[in-house]
Amino acid sequence: MNYLDSLHWIHGRTKFGIKPGVKRMKWMLRKLDHPEDKIQGIHVVGTNGKGSTVSYIRDALIANGYEVGTFTSPYIITFNERISLNGKPITNEELVELVQIVKPITERLEVETDLGPATEFEVITLIMFVYFGTIRPVNFVVVEAGLGALNDSTNVFQPIMTVLTSIGLDHTNILGETYMDIAREKAGVIKPSVPLVYSIKPKDALNFIREVVEHHHNKGLELDRDIYVVSEDEEFTYRYDNYELENIKLKMIGNHQHENAALAITTLIEMYQRGLIQLDFNKMIDAIENVTWYGRIEKVNDNPLIFLDGAHNKESIDALVKTLQHYYSDKKIDVLFAAIDGKPIGKMLNSLEDIANRFFVTTFDFPKALPIDTIYESVEHSHIEKVKNYREFIESYQGDLLIITGSLYFISEVRKLLV
């Protein structure tokens, strides 16, 4: 198999859909001699903020001299970036080698068990564990969960730290309709004796997570109780235990990024206190301040101003709206929106209307992308305009500021056009 053959085989697993549960993963990992047991992993779960938090932890560890693997999803530029070593995607040749290792195991799974075929995400997760557990060992692997937590295919290893970034109403058709439903699912990654760093806003969900932490006798480090963030314009002060770090200024804008960075800093300090790492605090902060993350309020054009943001649920849209109101209140902001199925479109559109001077909806080439008319009919306001060809629209855009949002998959497609 060559690289394109390997990609085609991986993407072909999408026909098996999303199948929550870890039985298939555990069977395949057992046949591969448990590569997941050979890593020192940090498990990052949550509805929003996972990607940024992974980046903060990764870059701070690299700055302190450690080799770091990361597993993230979805990809923005190239498929290989989902499995990266020190921030650089694995090579095409490595991916081909890994597919040749895992493909026979997936075929055996279908023949030797009644568990059904492995999905695309399960295959990619399996490839990641094989790579960092067997092919290319590193000091630490930062593993971002995919959908949910308890039944996510990443939830098959014993981490040294767990980070829960947030709980929001996303993938409700699979994870449940309420914050408590989501909290029960996310709590499935809380493992006995593994410290949990977390940020939960809904009160009932927060109380539930506290109870689970107490039940497992974990060390729980909670934002706004153990960890404090004092934001002042673009800078913030971080406080935890006996530590106070002042005048932290991130390249990634928004108060929600201050919170994500605080979770990462706390994770690193806890690892330091447990003797897992040596930590130069100046190097840690310098690295975190300089983190950028594709598709998160990412400026891709100066004149006119065009930003990409992969906000794909109500909570992340709200964070985007607050950030734009704070930093660009002097601009007339136009919105171009596209989304995939299973999202609370009406609520997302209503939030965006708080900032929209002009509002445009479109669609894109993706299996789960919503048609323009479906999005248009999700909101009652008549001033929203339909855009049939988003490429022509963007290339001819004239205005103060255009924010393109609604789906990370959409952002990935648009970024290929603009960057």
Protein backbone atom coordinates (compact mmCIF):
# COMPACT_ATOMS: atom_id res chain seq x y z
CA MET A 1 0.00 0.00 0.00
CA ASN A 2 1.14 3.54 -0.69
CA TYR A 3 0.08 6.69 1.19
CA LEU A 4 -3.07 7.36 -0.82
CA ASP A 5 -4.12 3.72 -0.53
CA SER A 6 -3.63 3.92 3.22
CA LEU A 7 -5.69 7.10 3.52
CA HIS A 8 -8.41 5.63 1.34
CA TRP A 9 -8.60 2.56 3.55
CA ILE A 10 -8.79 4.65 6.74
CA HIS A 11 -11.44 6.99 5.37
CA GLY A 12 -13.36 4.00 4.06
CA ARG A 13 -14.06 3.02 7.66
CA THR A 14 -16.51 5.94 7.89
CA LYS A 15 -19.17 3.68 6.38
CA PHE A 16 -19.26 1.86 9.71
CA GLY A 17 -20.39 5.07 11.41
CA ILE A 18 -19.97 6.03 15.06
CA LYS A 19 -20.21 3.11 17.45
CA PRO A 20 -19.64 4.14 21.09
CA GLY A 21 -17.90 1.57 23.23
CA VAL A 22 -14.37 0.28 23.81
CA LYS A 23 -14.73 -3.50 23.37
CA ARG A 24 -13.38 -3.45 19.82
CA MET A 25 -10.46 -1.25 20.88
CA LYS A 26 -9.56 -3.50 23.81
CA TRP A 27 -9.67 -6.62 21.61
CA MET A 28 -7.39 -5.10 18.97
CA LEU A 29 -4.97 -3.65 21.52
CA ARG A 30 -4.70 -7.04 23.22
CA LYS A 31 -3.72 -8.64 19.90
CA LEU A 32 -1.04 -5.94 19.49
CA ASP A 33 0.47 -6.63 22.94
CA HIS A 34 -1.07 -3.58 24.62
CA PRO A 35 0.90 -0.63 23.22
CA GLU A 36 -1.36 1.69 25.22
CA ASP A 37 0.25 0.43 28.44
CA LYS A 38 3.68 1.58 27.26
CA ILE A 39 2.97 5.32 27.14
CA GLN A 40 2.90 8.05 29.78
CA GLY A 41 -0.29 9.74 28.70
CA ILE A 42 -2.22 12.87 29.62
CA HIS A 43 -5.90 12.44 28.72
CA VAL A 44 -7.66 15.65 27.66
CA VAL A 45 -11.46 15.47 27.41
CA GLY A 46 -14.26 18.03 27.27
CA THR A 47 -16.78 19.65 24.97
CA ASN A 48 -14.68 22.70 24.09
CA GLY A 49 -11.09 23.81 24.63
CA LYS A 50 -9.42 20.42 24.16
CA GLY A 51 -7.26 21.36 21.19
CA SER A 52 -5.94 24.57 22.74
CA THR A 53 -5.23 22.86 26.07
CA VAL A 54 -3.36 20.05 24.31
CA SER A 55 -1.24 22.65 22.51
CA TYR A 56 -0.38 24.53 25.71
CA ILE A 57 0.70 21.33 27.48
CA ARG A 58 2.64 20.06 24.46
CA ASP A 59 4.61 23.25 23.80
CA ALA A 60 5.44 23.76 27.49
CA LEU A 61 6.79 20.21 27.78
CA ILE A 62 8.81 20.57 24.57
CA ALA A 63 10.28 23.84 25.87
CA ASN A 64 11.39 21.94 28.97
CA GLY A 65 13.30 19.40 26.90
CA TYR A 66 10.78 16.55 26.61
CA GLU A 67 9.70 14.63 23.54
CA VAL A 68 5.93 14.83 23.21
CA GLY A 69 3.42 13.00 21.07
CA THR A 70 -0.07 14.35 20.49
CA PHE A 71 -3.31 12.86 19.24
CA THR A 72 -5.91 15.40 18.07
CA SER A 73 -9.01 15.60 15.92
CA PRO A 74 -10.20 16.63 13.49
CA TYR A 75 -7.33 17.78 11.30
CA ILE A 76 -7.23 21.25 9.77
CA ILE A 77 -4.46 21.05 7.15
CA THR A 78 -3.28 17.48 6.68
CA PHE A 79 -4.58 14.16 7.96
CA ASN A 80 -1.18 13.25 9.43
CA GLU A 81 -1.35 16.11 11.95
CA ARG A 82 -3.77 14.02 14.03
CA ILE A 83 -0.71 12.07 15.19
CA SER A 84 2.20 14.44 15.75
CA LEU A 85 5.67 14.24 17.30
CA ASN A 86 6.88 17.47 18.92
CA GLY A 87 4.22 19.34 16.98
CA LYS A 88 5.16 17.88 13.58
CA PRO A 89 2.82 15.43 11.81
CA ILE A 90 4.05 11.90 11.25
CA THR A 91 5.41 11.24 7.78
CA ASN A 92 3.50 9.60 4.95
CA GLU A 93 5.89 6.65 5.12
CA GLU A 94 5.20 6.19 8.82
CA LEU A 95 1.46 6.22 8.24
CA VAL A 96 1.80 3.54 5.57
CA GLU A 97 3.87 1.39 7.93
CA LEU A 98 1.28 1.80 10.69
CA VAL A 99 -1.64 0.91 8.43
CA GLN A 100 0.16 -2.27 7.41
CA ILE A 101 0.41 -3.18 11.10
CA VAL A 102 -3.20 -2.46 12.13
CA LYS A 103 -5.12 -3.46 8.99
CA PRO A 104 -4.69 -7.22 9.54
CA ILE A 105 -5.88 -6.81 13.13
CA THR A 106 -9.05 -5.04 12.03
CA GLU A 107 -9.68 -7.84 9.54
CA ARG A 108 -9.26 -10.42 12.28
CA LEU A 109 -11.67 -8.46 14.46
CA GLU A 110 -14.42 -8.91 11.88
CA VAL A 111 -13.72 -12.61 11.36
CA GLU A 112 -12.94 -13.78 14.90
CA THR A 113 -15.48 -11.78 16.93
CA ASP A 114 -19.09 -10.65 16.79
CA LEU A 115 -18.14 -7.09 17.81
CA GLY A 116 -18.49 -5.71 14.29
CA PRO A 117 -15.99 -3.75 12.16
CA ALA A 118 -13.70 -1.07 13.57
CA THR A 119 -14.69 2.52 12.81
CA GLU A 120 -12.45 5.19 11.30
CA PHE A 121 -11.78 6.86 14.66
CA GLU A 122 -11.00 3.53 16.30
CA VAL A 123 -8.48 2.75 13.57
CA ILE A 124 -6.78 6.14 13.94
CA THR A 125 -6.68 5.77 17.73
CA LEU A 126 -5.19 2.30 17.33
CA ILE A 127 -2.54 3.67 14.97
CA MET A 128 -1.63 6.35 17.54
CA PHE A 129 -1.17 3.84 20.36
CA VAL A 130 0.97 1.59 18.16
CA TYR A 131 3.11 4.54 17.01
CA PHE A 132 3.89 5.98 20.44
CA GLY A 133 3.77 2.70 22.32
CA THR A 134 5.87 0.61 19.94
CA ILE A 135 7.30 2.38 16.88
CA ARG A 136 8.39 5.75 18.28
CA PRO A 137 8.34 5.99 22.10
CA VAL A 138 8.34 9.49 23.60
CA ASN A 139 8.43 10.97 27.11
CA PHE A 140 4.74 11.91 27.13
CA VAL A 141 1.68 11.55 24.91
CA VAL A 142 -1.13 14.10 25.14
CA VAL A 143 -4.28 12.29 24.01
CA GLU A 144 -7.35 14.31 23.02
CA ALA A 145 -10.61 12.39 23.33
CA GLY A 146 -12.90 12.29 20.35
CA LEU A 147 -16.62 12.07 21.01
CA GLY A 148 -17.64 11.85 24.66
CA ALA A 149 -15.33 10.14 27.12
CA LEU A 150 -16.62 6.99 28.80
CA ASN A 151 -17.32 5.24 25.49
CA ASP A 152 -14.66 7.04 23.46
CA SER A 153 -12.02 4.85 21.84
CA THR A 154 -9.25 6.79 23.61
CA ASN A 155 -10.56 5.70 27.02
CA VAL A 156 -8.52 2.49 27.13
CA PHE A 157 -5.31 3.57 28.86
CA GLN A 158 -4.24 4.58 32.36
CA PRO A 159 -3.17 8.24 32.19
CA ILE A 160 -0.83 10.03 34.58
CA MET A 161 -3.12 13.10 34.47
CA THR A 162 -6.66 13.76 33.26
CA VAL A 163 -7.91 17.18 32.12
CA LEU A 164 -11.63 17.94 31.73
CA THR A 165 -11.89 21.25 29.92
CA SER A 166 -15.65 21.81 29.84
CA ILE A 167 -19.10 20.30 29.59
CA GLY A 168 -21.50 21.55 26.92
CA LEU A 169 -24.42 20.38 24.86
CA ASP A 170 -22.79 18.80 21.84
CA HIS A 171 -23.45 15.47 20.07
CA THR A 172 -26.66 15.30 22.10
CA ASN A 173 -28.08 12.61 19.81
CA ILE A 174 -25.35 10.29 21.13
CA LEU A 175 -24.29 11.66 24.52
CA GLY A 176 -27.62 12.88 25.90
CA GLU A 177 -29.80 15.97 25.96
CA THR A 178 -28.84 17.55 29.31
CA TYR A 179 -25.71 18.76 31.07
CA MET A 180 -26.08 15.89 33.53
CA ASP A 181 -26.17 13.37 30.65
CA ILE A 182 -22.96 14.86 29.28
CA ALA A 183 -21.38 14.97 32.74
CA ARG A 184 -22.04 11.24 33.29
CA GLU A 185 -20.37 10.48 29.98
CA LYS A 186 -17.36 12.73 30.61
CA ALA A 187 -16.94 11.36 34.14
CA GLY A 188 -16.16 7.98 32.60
CA VAL A 189 -12.51 9.02 32.20
CA ILE A 190 -12.04 9.76 35.90
CA LYS A 191 -9.88 6.92 37.14
CA PRO A 192 -8.85 6.10 40.73
CA SER A 193 -5.60 7.76 41.88
CA VAL A 194 -5.27 9.85 38.69
CA PRO A 195 -5.39 13.62 39.41
CA LEU A 196 -8.17 15.50 37.59
CA VAL A 197 -7.82 19.15 36.50
CA TYR A 198 -11.22 20.47 35.48
CA SER A 199 -13.42 23.42 34.57
CA ILE A 200 -17.18 22.86 34.78
CA LYS A 201 -19.74 25.69 34.63
CA PRO A 202 -23.23 24.09 34.96
CA LYS A 203 -23.88 23.63 38.69
CA ASP A 204 -25.52 20.20 38.57
CA ALA A 205 -22.75 18.85 36.35
CA LEU A 206 -20.09 20.39 38.60
CA ASN A 207 -21.57 18.79 41.72
CA PHE A 208 -21.71 15.42 39.96
CA ILE A 209 -18.05 15.60 38.89
CA ARG A 210 -17.07 16.55 42.45
CA GLU A 211 -18.90 13.48 43.76
CA VAL A 212 -17.14 11.17 41.30
CA VAL A 213 -13.73 12.64 42.20
CA GLU A 214 -14.46 12.14 45.90
CA HIS A 215 -15.70 8.58 45.30
CA HIS A 216 -12.46 7.66 43.51
CA HIS A 217 -10.34 9.46 46.14
CA ASN A 218 -8.77 11.51 43.37
CA LYS A 219 -6.97 14.78 43.73
CA GLY A 220 -9.38 17.18 42.05
CA LEU A 221 -8.13 20.61 40.97
CA GLU A 222 -11.08 22.81 40.06
CA LEU A 223 -11.13 26.12 38.22
CA ASP A 224 -12.60 28.91 40.37
CA ARG A 225 -12.10 26.86 43.56
CA ASP A 226 -8.47 25.68 43.53
CA ILE A 227 -7.32 27.50 40.40
CA TYR A 228 -7.97 31.21 39.87
CA VAL A 229 -7.71 33.30 36.74
CA VAL A 230 -7.86 37.09 36.98
CA SER A 231 -8.23 38.48 33.47
CA GLU A 232 -7.44 42.09 32.68
CA ASP A 233 -7.81 42.94 29.00
CA GLU A 234 -5.28 40.82 27.09
CA GLU A 235 -3.31 39.68 30.16
CA PHE A 236 -4.18 37.47 33.09
CA THR A 237 -2.84 36.44 36.48
CA TYR A 238 -2.78 32.76 37.42
CA ARG A 239 -3.09 31.55 41.02
CA TYR A 240 -2.92 28.02 42.39
CA ASP A 241 -1.64 26.73 45.73
CA ASN A 242 1.45 28.83 46.52
CA TYR A 243 1.97 29.85 42.90
CA GLU A 244 1.11 33.24 41.42
CA LEU A 245 2.10 33.96 37.82
CA GLU A 246 1.39 37.49 36.62
CA ASN A 247 1.13 39.34 33.31
CA ILE A 248 0.58 36.26 31.14
CA LYS A 249 -0.28 37.39 27.63
CA LEU A 250 -1.35 34.76 25.09
CA LYS A 251 -1.25 34.98 21.33
CA MET A 252 -4.62 33.22 21.34
CA ILE A 253 -7.23 35.80 22.27
CA GLY A 254 -10.28 35.50 24.51
CA ASN A 255 -10.89 34.92 28.21
CA HIS A 256 -11.79 31.30 27.48
CA GLN A 257 -8.18 30.83 26.35
CA HIS A 258 -6.99 32.21 29.69
CA GLU A 259 -8.95 29.40 31.34
CA ASN A 260 -7.62 26.75 28.95
CA ALA A 261 -4.07 27.93 29.60
CA ALA A 262 -4.70 27.83 33.36
CA LEU A 263 -5.79 24.19 33.13
CA ALA A 264 -2.61 23.39 31.21
CA ILE A 265 -0.39 25.23 33.70
CA THR A 266 -2.04 23.42 36.61
CA THR A 267 -1.53 20.06 34.90
CA LEU A 268 2.16 20.81 34.45
CA ILE A 269 2.62 22.05 38.03
CA GLU A 270 0.92 18.91 39.35
CA MET A 271 3.24 16.75 37.24
CA TYR A 272 6.17 18.75 38.64
CA GLN A 273 4.99 18.32 42.22
CA ARG A 274 4.56 14.57 41.67
CA GLY A 275 8.14 14.28 40.42
CA LEU A 276 7.12 13.38 36.87
CA ILE A 277 8.93 16.31 35.23
CA GLN A 278 11.52 18.97 35.84
CA LEU A 279 9.90 22.34 35.13
CA ASP A 280 11.46 25.67 34.27
CA PHE A 281 8.53 28.04 34.90
CA ASN A 282 9.89 30.77 32.62
CA LYS A 283 10.21 28.33 29.73
CA MET A 284 6.70 27.01 30.44
CA ILE A 285 5.09 30.46 30.36
CA ASP A 286 7.07 31.63 27.31
CA ALA A 287 5.96 28.54 25.39
CA ILE A 288 2.31 28.87 26.42
CA GLU A 289 2.22 32.56 25.55
CA ASN A 290 3.40 31.80 22.02
CA VAL A 291 0.99 28.98 21.21
CA THR A 292 -1.18 29.40 18.14
CA TRP A 293 -3.84 26.96 17.00
CA TYR A 294 -5.22 26.73 13.48
CA GLY A 295 -8.88 27.61 13.15
CA ARG A 296 -9.30 29.27 16.55
CA ILE A 297 -10.03 32.95 15.88
CA GLU A 298 -7.26 32.68 13.30
CA LYS A 299 -6.63 35.75 11.16
CA VAL A 300 -6.09 34.66 7.56
CA ASN A 301 -6.42 38.01 5.79
CA ASP A 302 -5.66 41.62 6.77
CA ASN A 303 -7.50 43.69 4.19
CA PRO A 304 -10.33 42.99 4.55
CA LEU A 305 -10.04 41.28 7.93
CA ILE A 306 -11.03 37.62 7.67
CA PHE A 307 -10.99 35.23 10.63
CA LEU A 308 -11.61 31.50 10.87
CA ASP A 309 -13.04 29.92 14.01
CA GLY A 310 -14.10 26.29 14.39
CA ALA A 311 -16.86 27.04 16.92
CA HIS A 312 -19.25 24.12 16.45
CA ASN A 313 -21.70 24.21 19.36
CA LYS A 314 -23.59 26.77 21.44
CA GLU A 315 -20.91 27.17 24.11
CA SER A 316 -18.04 27.71 21.68
CA ILE A 317 -20.15 30.14 19.62
CA ASP A 318 -20.86 32.12 22.80
CA ALA A 319 -17.12 32.29 23.56
CA LEU A 320 -16.45 33.48 20.00
CA VAL A 321 -19.14 36.17 20.25
CA LYS A 322 -17.74 37.49 23.57
CA THR A 323 -14.22 37.62 22.16
CA LEU A 324 -15.23 39.49 19.01
CA GLN A 325 -17.33 41.93 21.03
CA HIS A 326 -14.34 42.63 23.27
CA TYR A 327 -11.63 42.99 20.62
CA TYR A 328 -13.51 44.20 17.54
CA SER A 329 -16.44 46.28 18.80
CA ASP A 330 -15.37 49.05 16.41
CA LYS A 331 -15.90 46.83 13.35
CA LYS A 332 -18.97 45.88 11.36
CA ILE A 333 -18.80 42.09 11.64
CA ASP A 334 -20.18 39.86 8.90
CA VAL A 335 -20.73 36.14 9.52
CA LEU A 336 -20.42 33.21 7.09
CA PHE A 337 -21.81 30.05 8.67
CA ALA A 338 -21.94 26.37 7.76
CA ALA A 339 -22.46 23.35 10.00
CA ILE A 340 -22.81 19.60 10.12
CA ASP A 341 -25.77 17.53 11.25
CA GLY A 342 -26.49 17.01 14.95
CA LYS A 343 -25.81 20.58 16.12
CA PRO A 344 -28.19 23.06 17.83
CA ILE A 345 -28.26 25.27 14.75
CA GLY A 346 -31.03 27.62 15.90
CA LYS A 347 -29.27 28.45 19.17
CA MET A 348 -25.92 28.88 17.45
CA LEU A 349 -27.39 31.27 14.86
CA ASN A 350 -29.26 33.27 17.49
CA SER A 351 -26.04 33.83 19.44
CA LEU A 352 -24.17 34.94 16.34
CA GLU A 353 -26.88 37.48 15.56
CA ASP A 354 -25.66 39.51 18.52
CA ILE A 355 -22.59 40.50 16.50
CA ALA A 356 -23.70 40.08 12.88
CA ASN A 357 -23.94 43.14 10.69
CA ARG A 358 -24.70 40.82 7.78
CA PHE A 359 -25.37 37.09 8.10
CA PHE A 360 -24.66 34.53 5.38
CA VAL A 361 -25.24 30.77 5.43
CA THR A 362 -23.72 28.19 3.11
CA THR A 363 -22.82 24.52 2.81
CA PHE A 364 -19.72 22.55 1.84
CA ASP A 365 -18.63 19.20 0.47
CA PHE A 366 -18.77 16.88 3.48
CA PRO A 367 -20.96 13.82 4.12
CA LYS A 368 -22.70 15.30 7.18
CA ALA A 369 -22.81 18.94 6.00
CA LEU A 370 -26.23 20.53 6.38
CA PRO A 371 -27.90 21.91 3.24
CA ILE A 372 -28.23 25.69 3.00
CA ASP A 373 -32.02 25.56 3.26
CA THR A 374 -31.90 23.47 6.45
CA ILE A 375 -29.70 26.07 8.14
CA TYR A 376 -31.75 28.96 6.74
CA GLU A 377 -34.97 27.49 8.08
CA SER A 378 -33.47 27.04 11.56
CA VAL A 379 -33.83 30.74 12.33
CA GLU A 380 -36.83 33.00 11.87
CA HIS A 381 -35.01 36.18 10.90
CA SER A 382 -35.35 37.16 7.27
CA HIS A 383 -32.13 39.15 6.84
CA ILE A 384 -29.97 36.01 6.62
CA GLU A 385 -28.72 35.48 3.07
CA LYS A 386 -27.90 32.23 1.30
CA VAL A 387 -24.49 31.75 -0.33
CA LYS A 388 -24.34 28.93 -2.87
CA ASN A 389 -20.62 29.26 -3.69
CA TYR A 390 -18.64 30.17 -0.57
CA ARG A 391 -15.36 30.27 -2.52
CA GLU A 392 -16.56 33.06 -4.81
CA PHE A 393 -18.16 34.84 -1.88
CA ILE A 394 -14.95 34.89 0.17
CA GLU A 395 -12.76 35.90 -2.76
CA SER A 396 -15.03 38.86 -3.56
CA TYR A 397 -15.81 39.84 0.04
CA GLN A 398 -15.73 43.54 0.84
CA GLY A 399 -16.38 44.70 4.38
CA ASP A 400 -14.80 45.47 7.73
CA LEU A 401 -14.49 41.97 9.16
CA LEU A 402 -15.69 38.52 8.11
CA ILE A 403 -15.83 35.67 10.61
CA ILE A 404 -16.19 32.21 9.06
CA THR A 405 -17.46 29.64 11.55
CA GLY A 406 -19.85 26.79 12.44
CA SER A 407 -17.75 23.66 11.91
CA LEU A 408 -14.11 22.62 12.16
CA TYR A 409 -14.60 20.57 9.01
CA PHE A 410 -15.84 23.68 7.19
CA ILE A 411 -12.91 25.71 8.53
CA SER A 412 -10.52 23.05 7.24
CA GLU A 413 -11.96 23.40 3.73
CA VAL A 414 -11.92 27.20 3.78
CA ARG A 415 -8.38 27.32 5.10
CA LYS A 416 -7.15 25.39 2.05
CA LEU A 417 -8.58 28.19 -0.04
CA LEU A 418 -7.16 31.10 1.95
CA VAL A 419 -3.81 29.93 3.37
